[in-house]
Amino acid sequence: MKYVPYESRLDAGKILANYILKSDQELDHAIKNNKNQHFTFAIPNGGVPVAEGFCSELQYRYSLIIVRKIKIPYNTEAGFGSVTTDGTVLINESLLDGLNLSSQAIEKSILTTKKEIEERLIFYNITETFENKFREEIRNKNIFMIDDGLASGFTMLAAIKMIKKYEPKQIFVAVPTAPMRTVKKIEKHADEIFCPNIRNVWRFAVAEAYKNWYDLPESEVLEIIQKSSYFVE
């Protein structure tokens, strides 16, 4: 089967929504008839336009889960874990074991990451704590987790760990593209994963799924959510 890339992240979100409707009849009925039982979270930056397209098709509301990489002190392009909006920490223990970092260095990196998240929340004008704003929005609801794709899946795992604290009914991961090995990893932690383009390849890049790919600047994310009819601060 010939692989046709998505035109854009927004386009991918719309395709993703319709893919879910067609692939799961029970969920299709629930989506159409019980919209107040579902909520969506996007992982910035790339997940935001995907969520915008997704929610425009389903008439859902969405908000943000900010996830930041805990950087390795001597190699800031790489990370040994993630921190989420509410301070949830997920450490890649197998990676950390080989880094020979002191407990002080680890704690310093985590604190630096938490400060980065605080700065992002200010940038997006999000002032209320996640728990106060969304605890009741999540409890016993079906939650969709959106990103523009999965690579290792570690960012999504951190977001899932965070959402589980607030007792959702079910967690659905919905992404336009991912490698098979990561889909299998995520399946162990979510109730279901929806992905129209699963690639069974060794070398994988999310960018290859898009005709018009670029690193989305935060200014564009802010513009999307400010203009959105579906975004909830």
C-alpha atoms as a PDB file:
ATOM      1  CA  MET A   1       0.000   0.000   0.000  1.00  0.00           C
ATOM      2  CA  LYS A   2       1.421   3.366  -1.009  1.00  0.00           C
ATOM      3  CA  TYR A   3       2.049   5.755   1.862  1.00  0.00           C
ATOM      4  CA  VAL A   4       0.660   9.281   1.377  1.00  0.00           C
ATOM      5  CA  PRO A   5       1.946  11.899   3.845  1.00  0.00           C
ATOM      6  CA  TYR A   6      -0.376  14.305   5.653  1.00  0.00           C
ATOM      7  CA  GLU A   7      -0.590  17.805   4.223  1.00  0.00           C
ATOM      8  CA  SER A   8      -0.161  19.405   7.645  1.00  0.00           C
ATOM      9  CA  ARG A   9      -0.641  18.757  11.349  1.00  0.00           C
ATOM     10  CA  LEU A  10      -4.124  20.310  11.198  1.00  0.00           C
ATOM     11  CA  ASP A  11      -5.040  18.002   8.318  1.00  0.00           C
ATOM     12  CA  ALA A  12      -3.629  15.035  10.236  1.00  0.00           C
ATOM     13  CA  GLY A  13      -5.870  15.829  13.207  1.00  0.00           C
ATOM     14  CA  LYS A  14      -8.987  15.791  11.041  1.00  0.00           C
ATOM     15  CA  ILE A  15      -7.972  12.516   9.410  1.00  0.00           C
ATOM     16  CA  LEU A  16      -7.233  11.048  12.840  1.00  0.00           C
ATOM     17  CA  ALA A  17     -10.708  11.928  14.137  1.00  0.00           C
ATOM     18  CA  ASN A  18     -12.433  10.295  11.183  1.00  0.00           C
ATOM     19  CA  TYR A  19     -10.139   7.277  11.420  1.00  0.00           C
ATOM     20  CA  ILE A  20     -11.336   6.694  14.988  1.00  0.00           C
ATOM     21  CA  LEU A  21     -14.987   7.050  14.007  1.00  0.00           C
ATOM     22  CA  LYS A  22     -14.565   4.424  11.291  1.00  0.00           C
ATOM     23  CA  SER A  23     -12.411   1.983  13.244  1.00  0.00           C
ATOM     24  CA  ASP A  24     -14.421   1.627  16.463  1.00  0.00           C
ATOM     25  CA  GLN A  25     -18.231   1.535  16.175  1.00  0.00           C
ATOM     26  CA  GLU A  26     -18.805   1.526  19.926  1.00  0.00           C
ATOM     27  CA  LEU A  27     -16.552   4.528  20.402  1.00  0.00           C
ATOM     28  CA  ASP A  28     -18.111   6.194  17.352  1.00  0.00           C
ATOM     29  CA  HIS A  29     -21.514   6.012  19.076  1.00  0.00           C
ATOM     30  CA  ALA A  30     -20.087   7.295  22.366  1.00  0.00           C
ATOM     31  CA  ILE A  31     -18.298  10.173  20.643  1.00  0.00           C
ATOM     32  CA  LYS A  32     -21.406  11.298  18.794  1.00  0.00           C
ATOM     33  CA  ASN A  33     -23.865  10.907  21.661  1.00  0.00           C
ATOM     34  CA  ASN A  34     -21.885  11.582  24.839  1.00  0.00           C
ATOM     35  CA  LYS A  35     -19.557  14.463  24.042  1.00  0.00           C
ATOM     36  CA  ASN A  36     -19.534  15.629  27.657  1.00  0.00           C
ATOM     37  CA  GLN A  37     -17.943  12.315  28.672  1.00  0.00           C
ATOM     38  CA  HIS A  38     -14.800  12.991  26.640  1.00  0.00           C
ATOM     39  CA  PHE A  39     -11.970  15.477  26.888  1.00  0.00           C
ATOM     40  CA  THR A  40      -8.765  15.957  24.912  1.00  0.00           C
ATOM     41  CA  PHE A  41      -5.240  16.961  25.889  1.00  0.00           C
ATOM     42  CA  ALA A  42      -2.580  18.074  23.419  1.00  0.00           C
ATOM     43  CA  ILE A  43       1.168  17.900  23.977  1.00  0.00           C
ATOM     44  CA  PRO A  44       2.811  21.099  22.662  1.00  0.00           C
ATOM     45  CA  ASN A  45       4.205  22.121  20.428  1.00  0.00           C
ATOM     46  CA  GLY A  46       3.313  19.810  17.549  1.00  0.00           C
ATOM     47  CA  GLY A  47       0.301  18.226  19.194  1.00  0.00           C
ATOM     48  CA  VAL A  48      -1.653  21.484  19.329  1.00  0.00           C
ATOM     49  CA  PRO A  49      -2.576  21.891  15.628  1.00  0.00           C
ATOM     50  CA  VAL A  50      -3.325  18.146  15.514  1.00  0.00           C
ATOM     51  CA  ALA A  51      -5.699  18.556  18.467  1.00  0.00           C
ATOM     52  CA  GLU A  52      -7.256  21.623  16.841  1.00  0.00           C
ATOM     53  CA  GLY A  53      -8.077  19.615  13.711  1.00  0.00           C
ATOM     54  CA  PHE A  54      -9.179  16.611  15.776  1.00  0.00           C
ATOM     55  CA  CYS A  55     -11.519  18.636  17.990  1.00  0.00           C
ATOM     56  CA  SER A  56     -12.944  20.641  15.083  1.00  0.00           C
ATOM     57  CA  GLU A  57     -14.150  17.359  13.566  1.00  0.00           C
ATOM     58  CA  LEU A  58     -15.589  15.955  16.802  1.00  0.00           C
ATOM     59  CA  GLN A  59     -16.684  19.239  18.436  1.00  0.00           C
ATOM     60  CA  TYR A  60     -14.577  18.404  21.487  1.00  0.00           C
ATOM     61  CA  ARG A  61     -12.741  20.673  23.879  1.00  0.00           C
ATOM     62  CA  TYR A  62      -9.028  20.419  24.544  1.00  0.00           C
ATOM     63  CA  SER A  63      -6.271  21.823  26.712  1.00  0.00           C
ATOM     64  CA  LEU A  64      -2.518  21.376  27.108  1.00  0.00           C
ATOM     65  CA  ILE A  65      -0.256  18.960  28.916  1.00  0.00           C
ATOM     66  CA  ILE A  66       3.215  20.435  28.816  1.00  0.00           C
ATOM     67  CA  VAL A  67       5.949  17.803  28.912  1.00  0.00           C
ATOM     68  CA  ARG A  68       9.612  18.783  29.029  1.00  0.00           C
ATOM     69  CA  LYS A  69      12.697  16.635  28.699  1.00  0.00           C
ATOM     70  CA  ILE A  70      15.009  16.336  31.718  1.00  0.00           C
ATOM     71  CA  LYS A  71      18.282  17.161  30.030  1.00  0.00           C
ATOM     72  CA  ILE A  72      21.545  15.356  30.594  1.00  0.00           C
ATOM     73  CA  PRO A  73      23.892  18.041  32.041  1.00  0.00           C
ATOM     74  CA  TYR A  74      26.754  17.344  29.632  1.00  0.00           C
ATOM     75  CA  ASN A  75      24.525  16.663  26.600  1.00  0.00           C
ATOM     76  CA  THR A  76      21.483  18.939  26.638  1.00  0.00           C
ATOM     77  CA  GLU A  77      20.210  17.568  23.320  1.00  0.00           C
ATOM     78  CA  ALA A  78      19.448  14.296  25.113  1.00  0.00           C
ATOM     79  CA  GLY A  79      17.365  13.547  28.185  1.00  0.00           C
ATOM     80  CA  PHE A  80      16.996  10.906  30.886  1.00  0.00           C
ATOM     81  CA  GLY A  81      13.336  11.531  31.698  1.00  0.00           C
ATOM     82  CA  SER A  82      10.399  13.919  31.490  1.00  0.00           C
ATOM     83  CA  VAL A  83       8.444  16.298  33.715  1.00  0.00           C
ATOM     84  CA  THR A  84       4.800  17.214  33.074  1.00  0.00           C
ATOM     85  CA  THR A  85       2.538  20.196  33.750  1.00  0.00           C
ATOM     86  CA  ASP A  86       1.689  19.228  37.331  1.00  0.00           C
ATOM     87  CA  GLY A  87       5.236  18.224  38.265  1.00  0.00           C
ATOM     88  CA  THR A  88       4.891  14.501  37.578  1.00  0.00           C
ATOM     89  CA  VAL A  89       8.352  13.022  36.928  1.00  0.00           C
ATOM     90  CA  LEU A  90       9.106   9.953  34.816  1.00  0.00           C
ATOM     91  CA  ILE A  91      12.717   8.760  34.764  1.00  0.00           C
ATOM     92  CA  ASN A  92      14.214   6.500  32.111  1.00  0.00           C
ATOM     93  CA  GLU A  93      15.901   4.280  34.678  1.00  0.00           C
ATOM     94  CA  SER A  94      17.724   2.057  32.193  1.00  0.00           C
ATOM     95  CA  LEU A  95      19.297   5.119  30.576  1.00  0.00           C
ATOM     96  CA  LEU A  96      20.037   6.877  33.858  1.00  0.00           C
ATOM     97  CA  ASP A  97      21.919   3.843  35.200  1.00  0.00           C
ATOM     98  CA  GLY A  98      24.599   4.329  32.558  1.00  0.00           C
ATOM     99  CA  LEU A  99      25.069   8.084  32.992  1.00  0.00           C
ATOM    100  CA  ASN A 100      26.917   8.097  36.329  1.00  0.00           C
ATOM    101  CA  LEU A 101      25.121  11.226  37.519  1.00  0.00           C
ATOM    102  CA  SER A 102      25.121  12.195  41.188  1.00  0.00           C
ATOM    103  CA  SER A 103      21.820  12.540  43.032  1.00  0.00           C
ATOM    104  CA  GLN A 104      22.508  16.285  43.264  1.00  0.00           C
ATOM    105  CA  ALA A 105      22.969  16.570  39.488  1.00  0.00           C
ATOM    106  CA  ILE A 106      19.771  14.609  38.877  1.00  0.00           C
ATOM    107  CA  GLU A 107      17.767  16.793  41.252  1.00  0.00           C
ATOM    108  CA  LYS A 108      19.204  19.969  39.727  1.00  0.00           C
ATOM    109  CA  SER A 109      18.187  18.853  36.224  1.00  0.00           C
ATOM    110  CA  ILE A 110      14.670  18.038  37.419  1.00  0.00           C
ATOM    111  CA  LEU A 111      14.297  21.446  39.117  1.00  0.00           C
ATOM    112  CA  THR A 112      15.549  23.202  35.978  1.00  0.00           C
ATOM    113  CA  THR A 113      12.950  21.325  33.931  1.00  0.00           C
ATOM    114  CA  LYS A 114      10.161  22.289  36.332  1.00  0.00           C
ATOM    115  CA  LYS A 115      11.176  25.948  35.987  1.00  0.00           C
ATOM    116  CA  GLU A 116      10.983  25.610  32.196  1.00  0.00           C
ATOM    117  CA  ILE A 117       7.425  24.325  32.541  1.00  0.00           C
ATOM    118  CA  GLU A 118       6.498  27.248  34.807  1.00  0.00           C
ATOM    119  CA  GLU A 119       7.804  29.622  32.130  1.00  0.00           C
ATOM    120  CA  ARG A 120       5.718  27.884  29.461  1.00  0.00           C
ATOM    121  CA  LEU A 121       2.582  28.111  31.615  1.00  0.00           C
ATOM    122  CA  ILE A 122       3.137  31.850  32.013  1.00  0.00           C
ATOM    123  CA  PHE A 123       3.696  32.186  28.263  1.00  0.00           C
ATOM    124  CA  TYR A 124       0.383  30.442  27.552  1.00  0.00           C
ATOM    125  CA  ASN A 125      -1.356  32.512  30.251  1.00  0.00           C
ATOM    126  CA  ILE A 126      -2.268  29.427  32.278  1.00  0.00           C
ATOM    127  CA  THR A 127      -2.508  30.545  35.897  1.00  0.00           C
ATOM    128  CA  GLU A 128      -4.725  27.969  37.631  1.00  0.00           C
ATOM    129  CA  THR A 129      -3.104  24.712  38.735  1.00  0.00           C
ATOM    130  CA  PHE A 130      -3.798  21.680  36.570  1.00  0.00           C
ATOM    131  CA  GLU A 131      -5.334  19.767  39.473  1.00  0.00           C
ATOM    132  CA  ASN A 132      -7.769  22.547  40.373  1.00  0.00           C
ATOM    133  CA  LYS A 133      -8.768  23.126  36.765  1.00  0.00           C
ATOM    134  CA  PHE A 134      -9.073  19.593  35.438  1.00  0.00           C
ATOM    135  CA  ARG A 135      -9.476  17.055  38.250  1.00  0.00           C
ATOM    136  CA  GLU A 136     -13.255  16.886  37.817  1.00  0.00           C
ATOM    137  CA  GLU A 137     -12.927  17.259  34.044  1.00  0.00           C
ATOM    138  CA  ILE A 138     -10.871  14.060  33.961  1.00  0.00           C
ATOM    139  CA  ARG A 139     -12.440  11.912  36.675  1.00  0.00           C
ATOM    140  CA  ASN A 140     -14.472   9.049  35.133  1.00  0.00           C
ATOM    141  CA  LYS A 141     -14.148  10.581  31.654  1.00  0.00           C
ATOM    142  CA  ASN A 142     -12.661   9.205  28.450  1.00  0.00           C
ATOM    143  CA  ILE A 143      -9.464  11.146  27.782  1.00  0.00           C
ATOM    144  CA  PHE A 144      -7.826  11.505  24.368  1.00  0.00           C
ATOM    145  CA  MET A 145      -4.080  12.214  24.392  1.00  0.00           C
ATOM    146  CA  ILE A 146      -2.860  13.921  21.209  1.00  0.00           C
ATOM    147  CA  ASP A 147       0.574  14.528  19.712  1.00  0.00           C
ATOM    148  CA  ASP A 148       1.827  14.916  16.138  1.00  0.00           C
ATOM    149  CA  GLY A 149       3.481  11.506  16.334  1.00  0.00           C
ATOM    150  CA  LEU A 150       5.421   9.155  18.556  1.00  0.00           C
ATOM    151  CA  ALA A 151       9.114   8.351  18.319  1.00  0.00           C
ATOM    152  CA  SER A 152      10.375   6.672  21.505  1.00  0.00           C
ATOM    153  CA  GLY A 153       7.013   7.321  23.178  1.00  0.00           C
ATOM    154  CA  PHE A 154       8.598   8.490  26.428  1.00  0.00           C
ATOM    155  CA  THR A 155       6.923  11.906  26.346  1.00  0.00           C
ATOM    156  CA  MET A 156       3.515  10.276  25.931  1.00  0.00           C
ATOM    157  CA  LEU A 157       4.229   7.802  28.738  1.00  0.00           C
ATOM    158  CA  ALA A 158       4.958  10.708  31.083  1.00  0.00           C
ATOM    159  CA  ALA A 159       1.679  12.378  30.093  1.00  0.00           C
ATOM    160  CA  ILE A 160      -0.235   9.121  30.628  1.00  0.00           C
ATOM    161  CA  LYS A 161       1.334   8.676  34.067  1.00  0.00           C
ATOM    162  CA  MET A 162       0.158  12.164  34.966  1.00  0.00           C
ATOM    163  CA  ILE A 163      -3.416  11.725  33.736  1.00  0.00           C
ATOM    164  CA  LYS A 164      -3.850   8.410  35.569  1.00  0.00           C
ATOM    165  CA  LYS A 165      -3.462  10.284  38.870  1.00  0.00           C
ATOM    166  CA  TYR A 166      -6.802  11.987  38.198  1.00  0.00           C
ATOM    167  CA  GLU A 167      -8.789   8.739  37.753  1.00  0.00           C
ATOM    168  CA  PRO A 168     -10.050   8.854  34.158  1.00  0.00           C
ATOM    169  CA  LYS A 169     -12.457   6.196  32.935  1.00  0.00           C
ATOM    170  CA  GLN A 170     -10.274   5.392  29.926  1.00  0.00           C
ATOM    171  CA  ILE A 171      -7.193   6.818  28.234  1.00  0.00           C
ATOM    172  CA  PHE A 172      -7.011   6.820  24.444  1.00  0.00           C
ATOM    173  CA  VAL A 173      -3.767   7.797  22.731  1.00  0.00           C
ATOM    174  CA  ALA A 174      -4.392   9.272  19.277  1.00  0.00           C
ATOM    175  CA  VAL A 175      -1.482  10.151  17.004  1.00  0.00           C
ATOM    176  CA  PRO A 176      -1.125  10.424  13.213  1.00  0.00           C
ATOM    177  CA  THR A 177       2.057   8.336  12.980  1.00  0.00           C
ATOM    178  CA  ALA A 178       4.288   6.048  15.055  1.00  0.00           C
ATOM    179  CA  PRO A 179       6.640   3.074  14.705  1.00  0.00           C
ATOM    180  CA  MET A 180       5.232  -0.357  15.542  1.00  0.00           C
ATOM    181  CA  ARG A 181       7.673  -0.889  18.431  1.00  0.00           C
ATOM    182  CA  THR A 182       6.423   2.267  20.165  1.00  0.00           C
ATOM    183  CA  VAL A 183       2.765   1.434  19.553  1.00  0.00           C
ATOM    184  CA  LYS A 184       3.325  -1.879  21.349  1.00  0.00           C
ATOM    185  CA  LYS A 185       4.987  -0.040  24.244  1.00  0.00           C
ATOM    186  CA  ILE A 186       2.141   2.487  24.602  1.00  0.00           C
ATOM    187  CA  GLU A 187      -0.539  -0.224  24.363  1.00  0.00           C
ATOM    188  CA  LYS A 188       0.597  -1.513  27.759  1.00  0.00           C
ATOM    189  CA  HIS A 189      -0.217   1.818  29.429  1.00  0.00           C
ATOM    190  CA  ALA A 190      -3.315   3.115  27.589  1.00  0.00           C
ATOM    191  CA  ASP A 191      -6.725   1.549  27.029  1.00  0.00           C
ATOM    192  CA  GLU A 192      -6.342   1.940  23.286  1.00  0.00           C
ATOM    193  CA  ILE A 193      -4.072   3.636  20.772  1.00  0.00           C
ATOM    194  CA  PHE A 194      -5.328   5.018  17.465  1.00  0.00           C
ATOM    195  CA  CYS A 195      -2.764   5.597  14.735  1.00  0.00           C
ATOM    196  CA  PRO A 196      -3.633   5.617  11.011  1.00  0.00           C
ATOM    197  CA  ASN A 197       0.008   5.371   9.958  1.00  0.00           C
ATOM    198  CA  ILE A 198       1.982   2.725  11.843  1.00  0.00           C
ATOM    199  CA  ARG A 199       5.420   2.207  10.336  1.00  0.00           C
ATOM    200  CA  ASN A 200       7.163  -1.133  10.795  1.00  0.00           C
ATOM    201  CA  VAL A 201      10.629   0.262  10.087  1.00  0.00           C
ATOM    202  CA  TRP A 202      13.904   0.430  12.000  1.00  0.00           C
ATOM    203  CA  ARG A 203      14.679   4.082  11.250  1.00  0.00           C
ATOM    204  CA  PHE A 204      11.660   6.256  11.966  1.00  0.00           C
ATOM    205  CA  ALA A 205      11.057  10.018  11.910  1.00  0.00           C
ATOM    206  CA  VAL A 206       7.745  11.728  12.665  1.00  0.00           C
ATOM    207  CA  ALA A 207       8.582  14.374  10.046  1.00  0.00           C
ATOM    208  CA  GLU A 208       8.374  11.807   7.246  1.00  0.00           C
ATOM    209  CA  ALA A 209       4.612  11.575   7.750  1.00  0.00           C
ATOM    210  CA  TYR A 210       4.072  15.209   6.710  1.00  0.00           C
ATOM    211  CA  LYS A 211       4.405  17.025   3.394  1.00  0.00           C
ATOM    212  CA  ASN A 212       4.747  20.388   5.125  1.00  0.00           C
ATOM    213  CA  TRP A 213       6.852  19.693   8.210  1.00  0.00           C
ATOM    214  CA  TYR A 214       8.612  22.297  10.310  1.00  0.00           C
ATOM    215  CA  ASP A 215       9.405  22.779  13.969  1.00  0.00           C
ATOM    216  CA  LEU A 216       6.382  24.609  15.299  1.00  0.00           C
ATOM    217  CA  PRO A 217       7.322  27.802  17.204  1.00  0.00           C
ATOM    218  CA  GLU A 218       5.592  28.584  20.486  1.00  0.00           C
ATOM    219  CA  SER A 219       4.290  31.822  18.981  1.00  0.00           C
ATOM    220  CA  GLU A 220       2.260  29.782  16.485  1.00  0.00           C
ATOM    221  CA  VAL A 221       0.954  27.502  19.233  1.00  0.00           C
ATOM    222  CA  LEU A 222      -0.196  30.586  21.144  1.00  0.00           C
ATOM    223  CA  GLU A 223      -1.905  31.954  18.042  1.00  0.00           C
ATOM    224  CA  ILE A 224      -3.769  28.673  17.496  1.00  0.00           C
ATOM    225  CA  ILE A 225      -5.127  28.421  21.024  1.00  0.00           C
ATOM    226  CA  GLN A 226      -6.053  32.125  21.167  1.00  0.00           C
ATOM    227  CA  LYS A 227      -8.145  31.794  18.009  1.00  0.00           C
ATOM    228  CA  SER A 228      -9.544  28.351  18.812  1.00  0.00           C
ATOM    229  CA  SER A 229     -13.212  27.671  19.523  1.00  0.00           C
ATOM    230  CA  TYR A 230     -12.261  24.422  21.269  1.00  0.00           C
ATOM    231  CA  PHE A 231      -9.365  25.324  23.557  1.00  0.00           C
ATOM    232  CA  VAL A 232      -9.868  25.522  27.329  1.00  0.00           C
ATOM    233  CA  GLU A 233      -7.238  27.445  29.323  1.00  0.00           C
END
